[in-house]
PDB file of all heavy atoms in Angstrom:
ATOM      1  N   LEU A   1     -37.650 -11.486  14.010  1.00  0.00           N
ATOM      2  CA  LEU A   1     -36.908 -10.258  14.298  1.00  0.00           C
ATOM      3  C   LEU A   1     -35.498 -10.565  14.795  1.00  0.00           C
ATOM      4  O   LEU A   1     -34.531  -9.908  14.401  1.00  0.00           O
ATOM      5  CB  LEU A   1     -37.668  -9.416  15.335  1.00  0.00           C
ATOM      6  CG  LEU A   1     -38.970  -8.766  14.853  1.00  0.00           C
ATOM      7  CD1 LEU A   1     -39.672  -8.054  16.002  1.00  0.00           C
ATOM      8  CD2 LEU A   1     -38.687  -7.786  13.719  1.00  0.00           C
ATOM      9  N   TYR A   2     -35.387 -11.569  15.659  1.00  0.00           N
ATOM     10  CA  TYR A   2     -34.056 -11.899  16.189  1.00  0.00           C
ATOM     11  C   TYR A   2     -33.156 -12.456  15.093  1.00  0.00           C
ATOM     12  O   TYR A   2     -31.976 -12.105  15.009  1.00  0.00           O
ATOM     13  CB  TYR A   2     -34.165 -12.904  17.335  1.00  0.00           C
ATOM     14  CG  TYR A   2     -32.830 -13.179  17.991  1.00  0.00           C
ATOM     15  CD1 TYR A   2     -32.234 -12.229  18.796  1.00  0.00           C
ATOM     16  CD2 TYR A   2     -32.158 -14.379  17.769  1.00  0.00           C
ATOM     17  CE1 TYR A   2     -30.990 -12.455  19.371  1.00  0.00           C
ATOM     18  CE2 TYR A   2     -30.916 -14.617  18.341  1.00  0.00           C
ATOM     19  CZ  TYR A   2     -30.347 -13.662  19.145  1.00  0.00           C
ATOM     20  OH  TYR A   2     -29.121 -13.886  19.714  1.00  0.00           O
ATOM     21  N   ALA A   3     -33.706 -13.324  14.250  1.00  0.00           N
ATOM     22  CA  ALA A   3     -32.913 -13.880  13.148  1.00  0.00           C
ATOM     23  C   ALA A   3     -32.463 -12.770  12.201  1.00  0.00           C
ATOM     24  O   ALA A   3     -31.308 -12.768  11.730  1.00  0.00           O
ATOM     25  CB  ALA A   3     -33.733 -14.922  12.392  1.00  0.00           C
ATOM     26  N   PHE A   4     -33.340 -11.810  11.937  1.00  0.00           N
ATOM     27  CA  PHE A   4     -32.981 -10.688  11.070  1.00  0.00           C
ATOM     28  C   PHE A   4     -31.891  -9.835  11.703  1.00  0.00           C
ATOM     29  O   PHE A   4     -30.947  -9.406  11.027  1.00  0.00           O
ATOM     30  CB  PHE A   4     -34.222  -9.834  10.781  1.00  0.00           C
ATOM     31  CG  PHE A   4     -33.949  -8.628   9.929  1.00  0.00           C
ATOM     32  CD1 PHE A   4     -33.732  -8.769   8.566  1.00  0.00           C
ATOM     33  CD2 PHE A   4     -33.893  -7.355  10.485  1.00  0.00           C
ATOM     34  CE1 PHE A   4     -33.468  -7.658   7.765  1.00  0.00           C
ATOM     35  CE2 PHE A   4     -33.624  -6.246   9.709  1.00  0.00           C
ATOM     36  CZ  PHE A   4     -33.417  -6.393   8.344  1.00  0.00           C
ATOM     37  N   ALA A   5     -31.997  -9.592  13.018  1.00  0.00           N
ATOM     38  CA  ALA A   5     -30.999  -8.776  13.708  1.00  0.00           C
ATOM     39  C   ALA A   5     -29.624  -9.442  13.689  1.00  0.00           C
ATOM     40  O   ALA A   5     -28.609  -8.782  13.452  1.00  0.00           O
ATOM     41  CB  ALA A   5     -31.443  -8.520  15.149  1.00  0.00           C
ATOM     42  N   VAL A   6     -29.590 -10.754  13.919  1.00  0.00           N
ATOM     43  CA  VAL A   6     -28.309 -11.478  13.905  1.00  0.00           C
ATOM     44  C   VAL A   6     -27.713 -11.468  12.501  1.00  0.00           C
ATOM     45  O   VAL A   6     -26.505 -11.227  12.322  1.00  0.00           O
ATOM     46  CB  VAL A   6     -28.497 -12.921  14.408  1.00  0.00           C
ATOM     47  CG1 VAL A   6     -27.234 -13.739  14.176  1.00  0.00           C
ATOM     48  CG2 VAL A   6     -28.851 -12.926  15.884  1.00  0.00           C
ATOM     49  N   ALA A   7     -28.545 -11.725  11.495  1.00  0.00           N
ATOM     50  CA  ALA A   7     -28.065 -11.728  10.111  1.00  0.00           C
ATOM     51  C   ALA A   7     -27.538 -10.351   9.718  1.00  0.00           C
ATOM     52  O   ALA A   7     -26.506 -10.230   9.041  1.00  0.00           O
ATOM     53  CB  ALA A   7     -29.184 -12.156   9.166  1.00  0.00           C
ATOM     54  N   LEU A   8     -28.224  -9.295  10.168  1.00  0.00           N
ATOM     55  CA  LEU A   8     -27.796  -7.936   9.856  1.00  0.00           C
ATOM     56  C   LEU A   8     -26.468  -7.621  10.539  1.00  0.00           C
ATOM     57  O   LEU A   8     -25.557  -7.054   9.930  1.00  0.00           O
ATOM     58  CB  LEU A   8     -28.871  -6.945  10.310  1.00  0.00           C
ATOM     59  CG  LEU A   8     -28.712  -5.494   9.853  1.00  0.00           C
ATOM     60  CD1 LEU A   8     -28.894  -5.408   8.335  1.00  0.00           C
ATOM     61  CD2 LEU A   8     -29.742  -4.604  10.549  1.00  0.00           C
ATOM     62  N   PHE A   9     -26.355  -8.018  11.814  1.00  0.00           N
ATOM     63  CA  PHE A   9     -25.129  -7.750  12.569  1.00  0.00           C
ATOM     64  C   PHE A   9     -23.941  -8.466  11.949  1.00  0.00           C
ATOM     65  O   PHE A   9     -22.873  -7.873  11.734  1.00  0.00           O
ATOM     66  CB  PHE A   9     -25.308  -8.186  14.024  1.00  0.00           C
ATOM     67  CG  PHE A   9     -24.073  -8.006  14.866  1.00  0.00           C
ATOM     68  CD1 PHE A   9     -23.739  -6.756  15.361  1.00  0.00           C
ATOM     69  CD2 PHE A   9     -23.247  -9.082  15.148  1.00  0.00           C
ATOM     70  CE1 PHE A   9     -22.597  -6.576  16.130  1.00  0.00           C
ATOM     71  CE2 PHE A   9     -22.109  -8.925  15.918  1.00  0.00           C
ATOM     72  CZ  PHE A   9     -21.781  -7.667  16.415  1.00  0.00           C
ATOM     73  N   LEU A  10     -24.107  -9.758  11.639  1.00  0.00           N
ATOM     74  CA  LEU A  10     -23.008 -10.540  11.084  1.00  0.00           C
ATOM     75  C   LEU A  10     -22.723 -10.153   9.638  1.00  0.00           C
ATOM     76  O   LEU A  10     -21.566  -9.938   9.259  1.00  0.00           O
ATOM     77  CB  LEU A  10     -23.330 -12.035  11.171  1.00  0.00           C
ATOM     78  CG  LEU A  10     -23.370 -12.642  12.573  1.00  0.00           C
ATOM     79  CD1 LEU A  10     -23.823 -14.098  12.503  1.00  0.00           C
ATOM     80  CD2 LEU A  10     -22.007 -12.556  13.252  1.00  0.00           C
ATOM     81  N   GLY A  11     -23.798 -10.092   8.835  1.00  0.00           N
ATOM     82  CA  GLY A  11     -23.612  -9.808   7.419  1.00  0.00           C
ATOM     83  C   GLY A  11     -23.068  -8.417   7.164  1.00  0.00           C
ATOM     84  O   GLY A  11     -22.027  -8.250   6.524  1.00  0.00           O
ATOM     85  N   VAL A  12     -23.748  -7.410   7.706  1.00  0.00           N
ATOM     86  CA  VAL A  12     -23.344  -6.030   7.439  1.00  0.00           C
ATOM     87  C   VAL A  12     -22.106  -5.651   8.250  1.00  0.00           C
ATOM     88  O   VAL A  12     -21.142  -5.092   7.716  1.00  0.00           O
ATOM     89  CB  VAL A  12     -24.508  -5.060   7.746  1.00  0.00           C
ATOM     90  CG1 VAL A  12     -24.065  -3.614   7.550  1.00  0.00           C
ATOM     91  CG2 VAL A  12     -25.706  -5.371   6.860  1.00  0.00           C
ATOM     92  N   GLY A  13     -22.115  -5.975   9.553  1.00  0.00           N
ATOM     93  CA  GLY A  13     -21.003  -5.579  10.410  1.00  0.00           C
ATOM     94  C   GLY A  13     -19.685  -6.208   9.992  1.00  0.00           C
ATOM     95  O   GLY A  13     -18.667  -5.523   9.827  1.00  0.00           O
ATOM     96  N   ASP A  14     -19.681  -7.530   9.817  1.00  0.00           N
ATOM     97  CA  ASP A  14     -18.434  -8.219   9.465  1.00  0.00           C
ATOM     98  C   ASP A  14     -17.958  -7.830   8.068  1.00  0.00           C
ATOM     99  O   ASP A  14     -16.761  -7.603   7.853  1.00  0.00           O
ATOM    100  CB  ASP A  14     -18.634  -9.732   9.553  1.00  0.00           C
ATOM    101  CG  ASP A  14     -18.754 -10.205  10.989  1.00  0.00           C
ATOM    102  OD1 ASP A  14     -18.705  -9.359  11.908  1.00  0.00           O
ATOM    103  OD2 ASP A  14     -18.918 -11.422  11.210  1.00  0.00           O
ATOM    104  N   VAL A  15     -18.869  -7.764   7.123  1.00  0.00           N
ATOM    105  CA  VAL A  15     -18.487  -7.395   5.758  1.00  0.00           C
ATOM    106  C   VAL A  15     -17.952  -5.963   5.723  1.00  0.00           C
ATOM    107  O   VAL A  15     -16.980  -5.663   5.002  1.00  0.00           O
ATOM    108  CB  VAL A  15     -19.668  -7.569   4.792  1.00  0.00           C
ATOM    109  CG1 VAL A  15     -19.357  -6.964   3.428  1.00  0.00           C
ATOM    110  CG2 VAL A  15     -20.017  -9.044   4.636  1.00  0.00           C
ATOM    111  N   ALA A  16     -18.555  -5.075   6.500  1.00  0.00           N
ATOM    112  CA  ALA A  16     -18.090  -3.682   6.541  1.00  0.00           C
ATOM    113  C   ALA A  16     -16.662  -3.604   7.080  1.00  0.00           C
ATOM    114  O   ALA A  16     -15.818  -2.863   6.558  1.00  0.00           O
ATOM    115  CB  ALA A  16     -19.029  -2.839   7.402  1.00  0.00           C
ATOM    116  N   PHE A  17     -16.371  -4.378   8.140  1.00  0.00           N
ATOM    117  CA  PHE A  17     -15.018  -4.366   8.697  1.00  0.00           C
ATOM    118  C   PHE A  17     -14.019  -4.929   7.692  1.00  0.00           C
ATOM    119  O   PHE A  17     -12.927  -4.383   7.512  1.00  0.00           O
ATOM    120  CB  PHE A  17     -14.957  -5.179   9.988  1.00  0.00           C
ATOM    121  CG  PHE A  17     -13.607  -5.161  10.655  1.00  0.00           C
ATOM    122  CD1 PHE A  17     -13.272  -4.165  11.552  1.00  0.00           C
ATOM    123  CD2 PHE A  17     -12.657  -6.129  10.351  1.00  0.00           C
ATOM    124  CE1 PHE A  17     -12.018  -4.131  12.143  1.00  0.00           C
ATOM    125  CE2 PHE A  17     -11.401  -6.114  10.935  1.00  0.00           C
ATOM    126  CZ  PHE A  17     -11.081  -5.108  11.842  1.00  0.00           C
ATOM    127  N   ILE A  18     -14.388  -6.031   7.029  1.00  0.00           N
ATOM    128  CA  ILE A  18     -13.495  -6.627   6.028  1.00  0.00           C
ATOM    129  C   ILE A  18     -13.270  -5.655   4.879  1.00  0.00           C
ATOM    130  O   ILE A  18     -12.139  -5.480   4.397  1.00  0.00           O
ATOM    131  CB  ILE A  18     -14.090  -7.955   5.519  1.00  0.00           C
ATOM    132  CG1 ILE A  18     -14.078  -9.008   6.630  1.00  0.00           C
ATOM    133  CG2 ILE A  18     -13.307  -8.469   4.311  1.00  0.00           C
ATOM    134  CD1 ILE A  18     -14.817 -10.284   6.292  1.00  0.00           C
ATOM    135  N   ALA A  19     -14.336  -4.985   4.431  1.00  0.00           N
ATOM    136  CA  ALA A  19     -14.212  -4.022   3.332  1.00  0.00           C
ATOM    137  C   ALA A  19     -13.317  -2.857   3.735  1.00  0.00           C
ATOM    138  O   ALA A  19     -12.473  -2.404   2.938  1.00  0.00           O
ATOM    139  CB  ALA A  19     -15.597  -3.511   2.934  1.00  0.00           C
ATOM    140  N   TYR A  20     -13.464  -2.382   4.968  1.00  0.00           N
ATOM    141  CA  TYR A  20     -12.599  -1.283   5.446  1.00  0.00           C
ATOM    142  C   TYR A  20     -11.146  -1.735   5.481  1.00  0.00           C
ATOM    143  O   TYR A  20     -10.242  -1.001   5.043  1.00  0.00           O
ATOM    144  CB  TYR A  20     -13.043  -0.837   6.830  1.00  0.00           C
ATOM    145  CG  TYR A  20     -12.087   0.162   7.460  1.00  0.00           C
ATOM    146  CD1 TYR A  20     -12.094   1.496   7.083  1.00  0.00           C
ATOM    147  CD2 TYR A  20     -11.153  -0.266   8.414  1.00  0.00           C
ATOM    148  CE1 TYR A  20     -11.197   2.407   7.651  1.00  0.00           C
ATOM    149  CE2 TYR A  20     -10.260   0.631   8.978  1.00  0.00           C
ATOM    150  CZ  TYR A  20     -10.285   1.957   8.592  1.00  0.00           C
ATOM    151  OH  TYR A  20      -9.400   2.856   9.154  1.00  0.00           O
ATOM    152  N   SER A  21     -10.894  -2.936   5.998  1.00  0.00           N
ATOM    153  CA  SER A  21      -9.527  -3.450   6.084  1.00  0.00           C
ATOM    154  C   SER A  21      -8.890  -3.532   4.701  1.00  0.00           C
ATOM    155  O   SER A  21      -7.741  -3.111   4.493  1.00  0.00           O
ATOM    156  CB  SER A  21      -9.518  -4.840   6.736  1.00  0.00           C
ATOM    157  OG  SER A  21     -10.014  -4.783   8.050  1.00  0.00           O
ATOM    158  N   TYR A  22      -9.643  -4.060   3.739  1.00  0.00           N
ATOM    159  CA  TYR A  22      -9.083  -4.185   2.403  1.00  0.00           C
ATOM    160  C   TYR A  22      -8.982  -2.842   1.686  1.00  0.00           C
ATOM    161  O   TYR A  22      -8.125  -2.662   0.810  1.00  0.00           O
ATOM    162  CB  TYR A  22      -9.878  -5.202   1.591  1.00  0.00           C
ATOM    163  CG  TYR A  22      -9.337  -6.593   1.796  1.00  0.00           C
ATOM    164  CD1 TYR A  22      -9.894  -7.444   2.731  1.00  0.00           C
ATOM    165  CD2 TYR A  22      -8.224  -7.031   1.090  1.00  0.00           C
ATOM    166  CE1 TYR A  22      -9.373  -8.708   2.954  1.00  0.00           C
ATOM    167  CE2 TYR A  22      -7.695  -8.290   1.299  1.00  0.00           C
ATOM    168  CZ  TYR A  22      -8.268  -9.121   2.237  1.00  0.00           C
ATOM    169  OH  TYR A  22      -7.728 -10.360   2.457  1.00  0.00           O
ATOM    170  N   GLY A  23      -9.812  -1.895   2.058  1.00  0.00           N
ATOM    171  CA  GLY A  23      -9.645  -0.539   1.526  1.00  0.00           C
ATOM    172  C   GLY A  23      -8.307   0.052   1.957  1.00  0.00           C
ATOM    173  O   GLY A  23      -7.585   0.659   1.143  1.00  0.00           O
ATOM    174  N   GLN A  24      -7.966  -0.145   3.240  1.00  0.00           N
ATOM    175  CA  GLN A  24      -6.677   0.333   3.735  1.00  0.00           C
ATOM    176  C   GLN A  24      -5.523  -0.443   3.109  1.00  0.00           C
ATOM    177  O   GLN A  24      -4.462   0.122   2.814  1.00  0.00           O
ATOM    178  CB  GLN A  24      -6.636   0.195   5.258  1.00  0.00           C
ATOM    179  CG  GLN A  24      -7.670   1.031   5.994  1.00  0.00           C
ATOM    180  CD  GLN A  24      -7.538   2.517   5.699  1.00  0.00           C
ATOM    181  OE1 GLN A  24      -6.458   3.076   5.812  1.00  0.00           O
ATOM    182  NE2 GLN A  24      -8.625   3.140   5.280  1.00  0.00           N
ATOM    183  N   ILE A  25      -5.717  -1.741   2.916  1.00  0.00           N
ATOM    184  CA  ILE A  25      -4.664  -2.560   2.295  1.00  0.00           C
ATOM    185  C   ILE A  25      -4.400  -2.100   0.866  1.00  0.00           C
ATOM    186  O   ILE A  25      -3.235  -1.942   0.454  1.00  0.00           O
ATOM    187  CB  ILE A  25      -5.073  -4.053   2.326  1.00  0.00           C
ATOM    188  CG1 ILE A  25      -5.002  -4.592   3.756  1.00  0.00           C
ATOM    189  CG2 ILE A  25      -4.187  -4.874   1.400  1.00  0.00           C
ATOM    190  CD1 ILE A  25      -5.581  -5.979   3.920  1.00  0.00           C
ATOM    191  N   VAL A  26      -5.468  -1.876   0.099  1.00  0.00           N
ATOM    192  CA  VAL A  26      -5.306  -1.430  -1.287  1.00  0.00           C
ATOM    193  C   VAL A  26      -4.589  -0.091  -1.336  1.00  0.00           C
ATOM    194  O   VAL A  26      -3.682   0.122  -2.162  1.00  0.00           O
ATOM    195  CB  VAL A  26      -6.679  -1.339  -1.985  1.00  0.00           C
ATOM    196  CG1 VAL A  26      -6.562  -0.621  -3.327  1.00  0.00           C
ATOM    197  CG2 VAL A  26      -7.268  -2.726  -2.180  1.00  0.00           C
ATOM    198  N   ARG A  27      -4.973   0.812  -0.431  1.00  0.00           N
ATOM    199  CA  ARG A  27      -4.320   2.123  -0.404  1.00  0.00           C
ATOM    200  C   ARG A  27      -2.825   2.000  -0.092  1.00  0.00           C
ATOM    201  O   ARG A  27      -1.994   2.685  -0.688  1.00  0.00           O
ATOM    202  CB  ARG A  27      -4.993   3.021   0.638  1.00  0.00           C
ATOM    203  CG  ARG A  27      -4.527   4.473   0.576  1.00  0.00           C
ATOM    204  CD  ARG A  27      -5.359   5.354   1.452  1.00  0.00           C
ATOM    205  NE  ARG A  27      -5.119   5.090   2.873  1.00  0.00           N
ATOM    206  CZ  ARG A  27      -5.632   5.830   3.858  1.00  0.00           C
ATOM    207  NH1 ARG A  27      -6.455   6.840   3.561  1.00  0.00           N
ATOM    208  NH2 ARG A  27      -5.366   5.543   5.107  1.00  0.00           N
TER     209      ARG A  27
END
């Protein structure tokens, strides 16, 4: 459970922030 939570936080959270940043950059 802990490994899944860390992977979810890093994978989804970081990728979401990067995707948002590049969405604003593209715009």
